[in-house]
Amino acid sequence: MSNEELELLLLKRAEGISSQKSLAQEIGFSVGKVNYVLRALVDKGFIKAEMFLNAQNKRKYSYLLTEAGMAEKIALTKKFIVRKKAEYEELQRDLEADNLWRKK
């Protein structure tokens, strides 16, 4: 998975993140990698991180998608769809060429 795909995944799940550890386990990445990408998204202004002041666990955050984050999520989704469509069309061409070769 590319960094762009990981960013898109985190933008999609931003508001449902209960903890970085559980998210990391769920998507198969290290907590450090998830933390690194989340911090980058916060620094870019795509996600807003708010600490729960009343929580007993002071390391707990709430993540909110910003307007810029929504725009980035849409842009990354479009890029992802274009890339996957191109991959699909290339596979279709390869299958057609393979079928033509086998018929000979």
N, C-alpha and C. Protein backbone atom coordinates (compact mmCIF):
# COMPACT_ATOMS: atom_id res chain seq x y z
N MET A 1 0.85 -1.18 0.00
CA MET A 1 0.00 0.00 0.00
C MET A 1 0.90 1.24 0.00
N SER A 2 0.59 2.16 -0.89
CA SER A 2 1.37 3.39 -0.99
C SER A 2 0.99 4.35 0.14
N ASN A 3 1.82 5.38 0.34
CA ASN A 3 1.51 6.39 1.35
C ASN A 3 0.20 7.10 1.03
N GLU A 4 -0.04 7.36 -0.27
CA GLU A 4 -1.29 8.01 -0.67
C GLU A 4 -2.49 7.16 -0.29
N GLU A 5 -2.38 5.85 -0.50
CA GLU A 5 -3.48 4.95 -0.15
C GLU A 5 -3.69 4.92 1.37
N LEU A 6 -2.58 4.94 2.12
CA LEU A 6 -2.70 4.97 3.58
C LEU A 6 -3.32 6.28 4.04
N GLU A 7 -2.91 7.39 3.42
CA GLU A 7 -3.51 8.69 3.76
C GLU A 7 -5.01 8.67 3.48
N LEU A 8 -5.39 8.13 2.33
CA LEU A 8 -6.81 8.04 1.98
C LEU A 8 -7.56 7.19 3.00
N LEU A 9 -6.99 6.07 3.38
CA LEU A 9 -7.61 5.20 4.37
C LEU A 9 -7.80 5.94 5.70
N LEU A 10 -6.79 6.68 6.14
CA LEU A 10 -6.90 7.41 7.40
C LEU A 10 -7.88 8.57 7.29
N LEU A 11 -7.94 9.21 6.12
CA LEU A 11 -8.92 10.28 5.93
C LEU A 11 -10.34 9.72 5.97
N LYS A 12 -10.51 8.52 5.41
CA LYS A 12 -11.83 7.89 5.42
C LYS A 12 -12.26 7.51 6.84
N ARG A 13 -11.29 7.10 7.66
CA ARG A 13 -11.61 6.60 8.99
C ARG A 13 -11.37 7.60 10.10
N ALA A 14 -10.99 8.81 9.76
CA ALA A 14 -10.55 9.80 10.75
C ALA A 14 -11.50 9.95 11.92
N GLU A 15 -12.76 10.10 11.66
CA GLU A 15 -13.71 10.39 12.73
C GLU A 15 -14.11 9.15 13.53
N GLY A 16 -13.72 7.98 13.06
CA GLY A 16 -14.06 6.77 13.78
C GLY A 16 -12.88 6.15 14.51
N ILE A 17 -11.75 6.84 14.55
CA ILE A 17 -10.56 6.29 15.20
C ILE A 17 -10.75 6.33 16.71
N SER A 18 -10.73 5.16 17.32
CA SER A 18 -10.85 5.11 18.78
C SER A 18 -9.46 5.17 19.41
N SER A 19 -8.49 4.52 18.77
CA SER A 19 -7.10 4.61 19.21
C SER A 19 -6.20 4.27 18.04
N GLN A 20 -5.01 4.84 18.06
CA GLN A 20 -4.06 4.55 16.99
C GLN A 20 -3.65 3.08 17.02
N LYS A 21 -3.56 2.52 18.20
CA LYS A 21 -3.16 1.12 18.34
C LYS A 21 -4.18 0.19 17.70
N SER A 22 -5.46 0.41 18.00
CA SER A 22 -6.48 -0.47 17.43
C SER A 22 -6.59 -0.29 15.92
N LEU A 23 -6.43 0.95 15.45
CA LEU A 23 -6.46 1.20 14.01
C LEU A 23 -5.27 0.52 13.33
N ALA A 24 -4.09 0.63 13.93
CA ALA A 24 -2.90 0.00 13.36
C ALA A 24 -3.08 -1.51 13.23
N GLN A 25 -3.63 -2.13 14.27
CA GLN A 25 -3.88 -3.57 14.22
C GLN A 25 -4.90 -3.91 13.15
N GLU A 26 -5.91 -3.10 13.03
CA GLU A 26 -6.99 -3.34 12.07
C GLU A 26 -6.50 -3.28 10.62
N ILE A 27 -5.62 -2.32 10.32
CA ILE A 27 -5.18 -2.13 8.93
C ILE A 27 -3.83 -2.77 8.63
N GLY A 28 -3.18 -3.33 9.66
CA GLY A 28 -1.94 -4.07 9.45
C GLY A 28 -0.69 -3.22 9.33
N PHE A 29 -0.67 -2.09 10.01
CA PHE A 29 0.52 -1.23 10.03
C PHE A 29 0.97 -1.06 11.47
N SER A 30 2.20 -0.60 11.64
CA SER A 30 2.69 -0.34 12.99
C SER A 30 2.03 0.93 13.54
N VAL A 31 1.98 1.02 14.85
CA VAL A 31 1.44 2.21 15.50
C VAL A 31 2.28 3.43 15.10
N GLY A 32 3.58 3.24 15.00
CA GLY A 32 4.47 4.34 14.60
C GLY A 32 4.14 4.89 13.23
N LYS A 33 3.86 4.00 12.29
CA LYS A 33 3.52 4.43 10.92
C LYS A 33 2.19 5.18 10.92
N VAL A 34 1.20 4.65 11.62
CA VAL A 34 -0.11 5.31 11.71
C VAL A 34 0.05 6.68 12.36
N ASN A 35 0.82 6.74 13.45
CA ASN A 35 1.05 8.00 14.13
C ASN A 35 1.75 9.00 13.21
N TYR A 36 2.75 8.55 12.47
CA TYR A 36 3.50 9.41 11.56
C TYR A 36 2.58 10.01 10.49
N VAL A 37 1.75 9.18 9.88
CA VAL A 37 0.86 9.65 8.81
C VAL A 37 -0.24 10.55 9.39
N LEU A 38 -0.79 10.19 10.54
CA LEU A 38 -1.81 11.03 11.17
C LEU A 38 -1.25 12.41 11.51
N ARG A 39 -0.03 12.44 12.06
CA ARG A 39 0.60 13.73 12.37
C ARG A 39 0.81 14.57 11.10
N ALA A 40 1.20 13.92 10.02
CA ALA A 40 1.38 14.62 8.75
C ALA A 40 0.06 15.19 8.27
N LEU A 41 -1.02 14.43 8.40
CA LEU A 41 -2.34 14.91 7.99
C LEU A 41 -2.81 16.07 8.87
N VAL A 42 -2.47 16.01 10.16
CA VAL A 42 -2.80 17.12 11.06
C VAL A 42 -1.98 18.35 10.67
N ASP A 43 -0.68 18.15 10.41
CA ASP A 43 0.20 19.27 10.01
C ASP A 43 -0.26 19.92 8.72
N LYS A 44 -0.79 19.12 7.81
CA LYS A 44 -1.28 19.66 6.53
C LYS A 44 -2.64 20.34 6.68
N GLY A 45 -3.28 20.16 7.83
CA GLY A 45 -4.58 20.77 8.07
C GLY A 45 -5.74 19.95 7.56
N PHE A 46 -5.52 18.66 7.26
CA PHE A 46 -6.57 17.80 6.75
C PHE A 46 -7.38 17.16 7.87
N ILE A 47 -6.74 16.99 9.01
CA ILE A 47 -7.39 16.40 10.18
C ILE A 47 -7.10 17.30 11.37
N LYS A 48 -8.11 17.45 12.20
CA LYS A 48 -7.94 18.21 13.44
C LYS A 48 -7.97 17.20 14.59
N ALA A 49 -6.97 17.27 15.45
CA ALA A 49 -6.89 16.36 16.59
C ALA A 49 -7.20 17.15 17.85
N GLU A 50 -8.18 16.68 18.61
CA GLU A 50 -8.55 17.34 19.85
C GLU A 50 -8.40 16.36 21.00
N MET A 51 -7.76 16.81 22.07
CA MET A 51 -7.58 15.97 23.24
C MET A 51 -8.85 16.04 24.10
N PHE A 52 -9.23 14.90 24.65
CA PHE A 52 -10.36 14.87 25.58
C PHE A 52 -9.87 15.40 26.92
N LEU A 53 -10.27 16.59 27.26
CA LEU A 53 -9.79 17.20 28.50
C LEU A 53 -10.33 16.51 29.74
N ASN A 54 -11.54 15.99 29.66
CA ASN A 54 -12.16 15.37 30.82
C ASN A 54 -11.85 13.88 30.94
N ALA A 55 -11.18 13.32 29.97
CA ALA A 55 -10.90 11.89 29.99
C ALA A 55 -9.80 11.58 31.00
N GLN A 56 -9.90 10.41 31.61
CA GLN A 56 -8.84 9.98 32.53
C GLN A 56 -7.56 9.67 31.77
N ASN A 57 -7.69 9.13 30.56
CA ASN A 57 -6.54 8.85 29.72
C ASN A 57 -6.24 10.10 28.91
N LYS A 58 -5.25 10.86 29.31
CA LYS A 58 -4.94 12.15 28.68
C LYS A 58 -4.32 11.99 27.29
N ARG A 59 -4.01 10.76 26.88
CA ARG A 59 -3.45 10.55 25.54
C ARG A 59 -4.54 10.28 24.51
N LYS A 60 -5.78 10.32 24.91
CA LYS A 60 -6.89 10.02 24.01
C LYS A 60 -7.26 11.26 23.19
N TYR A 61 -7.38 11.08 21.90
CA TYR A 61 -7.71 12.17 21.00
C TYR A 61 -8.98 11.87 20.22
N SER A 62 -9.60 12.93 19.76
CA SER A 62 -10.71 12.84 18.83
C SER A 62 -10.20 13.43 17.52
N TYR A 63 -10.40 12.73 16.43
CA TYR A 63 -9.93 13.20 15.13
C TYR A 63 -11.11 13.65 14.29
N LEU A 64 -11.01 14.84 13.74
CA LEU A 64 -12.07 15.40 12.91
C LEU A 64 -11.53 15.76 11.55
N LEU A 65 -12.27 15.43 10.52
CA LEU A 65 -11.89 15.78 9.16
C LEU A 65 -12.24 17.25 8.91
N THR A 66 -11.27 18.01 8.41
CA THR A 66 -11.49 19.43 8.11
C THR A 66 -12.04 19.57 6.69
N GLU A 67 -12.42 20.78 6.31
CA GLU A 67 -12.86 21.02 4.93
C GLU A 67 -11.75 20.67 3.95
N ALA A 68 -10.53 21.10 4.29
CA ALA A 68 -9.38 20.77 3.43
C ALA A 68 -9.17 19.26 3.37
N GLY A 69 -9.41 18.58 4.50
CA GLY A 69 -9.30 17.13 4.54
C GLY A 69 -10.33 16.45 3.65
N MET A 70 -11.54 16.99 3.65
CA MET A 70 -12.59 16.44 2.79
C MET A 70 -12.22 16.61 1.32
N ALA A 71 -11.69 17.79 0.98
CA ALA A 71 -11.26 18.03 -0.41
C ALA A 71 -10.12 17.09 -0.80
N GLU A 72 -9.19 16.88 0.11
CA GLU A 72 -8.07 15.97 -0.16
C GLU A 72 -8.57 14.53 -0.28
N LYS A 73 -9.50 14.15 0.55
CA LYS A 73 -10.08 12.81 0.49
C LYS A 73 -10.73 12.58 -0.87
N ILE A 74 -11.45 13.56 -1.36
CA ILE A 74 -12.09 13.46 -2.68
C ILE A 74 -11.05 13.36 -3.78
N ALA A 75 -10.02 14.22 -3.70
CA ALA A 75 -8.96 14.21 -4.72
C ALA A 75 -8.21 12.87 -4.72
N LEU A 76 -7.87 12.35 -3.55
CA LEU A 76 -7.18 11.07 -3.47
C LEU A 76 -8.06 9.93 -3.95
N THR A 77 -9.35 10.00 -3.67
CA THR A 77 -10.29 8.97 -4.14
C THR A 77 -10.35 8.96 -5.66
N LYS A 78 -10.41 10.15 -6.25
CA LYS A 78 -10.42 10.24 -7.72
C LYS A 78 -9.15 9.66 -8.31
N LYS A 79 -7.98 10.02 -7.73
CA LYS A 79 -6.72 9.48 -8.22
C LYS A 79 -6.68 7.97 -8.09
N PHE A 80 -7.18 7.45 -6.97
CA PHE A 80 -7.21 6.02 -6.73
C PHE A 80 -8.07 5.31 -7.78
N ILE A 81 -9.23 5.88 -8.06
CA ILE A 81 -10.14 5.28 -9.04
C ILE A 81 -9.51 5.28 -10.43
N VAL A 82 -8.89 6.39 -10.81
CA VAL A 82 -8.24 6.47 -12.12
C VAL A 82 -7.13 5.43 -12.23
N ARG A 83 -6.32 5.31 -11.17
CA ARG A 83 -5.21 4.35 -11.18
C ARG A 83 -5.73 2.92 -11.26
N LYS A 84 -6.76 2.59 -10.47
CA LYS A 84 -7.30 1.23 -10.48
C LYS A 84 -7.99 0.91 -11.81
N LYS A 85 -8.65 1.90 -12.40
CA LYS A 85 -9.28 1.70 -13.71
C LYS A 85 -8.22 1.42 -14.76
N ALA A 86 -7.11 2.15 -14.72
CA ALA A 86 -6.01 1.92 -15.67
C ALA A 86 -5.42 0.52 -15.47
N GLU A 87 -5.25 0.11 -14.22
CA GLU A 87 -4.75 -1.24 -13.94
C GLU A 87 -5.70 -2.30 -14.48
N TYR A 88 -6.99 -2.09 -14.30
CA TYR A 88 -7.99 -3.02 -14.78
C TYR A 88 -7.94 -3.12 -16.31
N GLU A 89 -7.87 -1.97 -16.97
CA GLU A 89 -7.83 -1.97 -18.43
C GLU A 89 -6.56 -2.64 -18.95
N GLU A 90 -5.45 -2.45 -18.25
CA GLU A 90 -4.21 -3.12 -18.65
C GLU A 90 -4.33 -4.63 -18.48
N LEU A 91 -4.95 -5.06 -17.40
CA LEU A 91 -5.17 -6.50 -17.20
C LEU A 91 -6.09 -7.07 -18.28
N GLN A 92 -7.12 -6.32 -18.65
CA GLN A 92 -8.03 -6.77 -19.71
C GLN A 92 -7.26 -6.94 -21.02
N ARG A 93 -6.40 -5.97 -21.35
CA ARG A 93 -5.59 -6.08 -22.58
C ARG A 93 -4.67 -7.29 -22.52
N ASP A 94 -4.05 -7.51 -21.37
CA ASP A 94 -3.16 -8.67 -21.22
C ASP A 94 -3.92 -9.98 -21.39
N LEU A 95 -5.13 -10.04 -20.81
CA LEU A 95 -5.93 -11.26 -20.94
C LEU A 95 -6.36 -11.49 -22.39
N GLU A 96 -6.74 -10.40 -23.07
CA GLU A 96 -7.13 -10.53 -24.47
C GLU A 96 -5.95 -10.96 -25.33
N ALA A 97 -4.77 -10.40 -25.06
CA ALA A 97 -3.58 -10.79 -25.82
C ALA A 97 -3.23 -12.24 -25.52
N ASP A 98 -3.36 -12.68 -24.29
CA ASP A 98 -3.08 -14.06 -23.92
C ASP A 98 -4.05 -15.00 -24.61
N ASN A 99 -5.34 -14.62 -24.66
CA ASN A 99 -6.35 -15.45 -25.31
C ASN A 99 -6.08 -15.55 -26.81
N LEU A 100 -5.68 -14.44 -27.43
CA LEU A 100 -5.34 -14.48 -28.86
C LEU A 100 -4.15 -15.38 -29.11
N TRP A 101 -3.14 -15.31 -28.24
CA TRP A 101 -1.94 -16.12 -28.39
C TRP A 101 -2.27 -17.60 -28.24
N ARG A 102 -3.15 -17.93 -27.31
CA ARG A 102 -3.51 -19.34 -27.07
C ARG A 102 -4.33 -19.92 -28.23
N LYS A 103 -5.08 -19.08 -28.92
CA LYS A 103 -5.92 -19.55 -30.03
C LYS A 103 -5.08 -19.91 -31.26
N LYS A 104 -3.87 -19.39 -31.33
CA LYS A 104 -3.01 -19.64 -32.51
C LYS A 104 -2.42 -20.99 -32.51
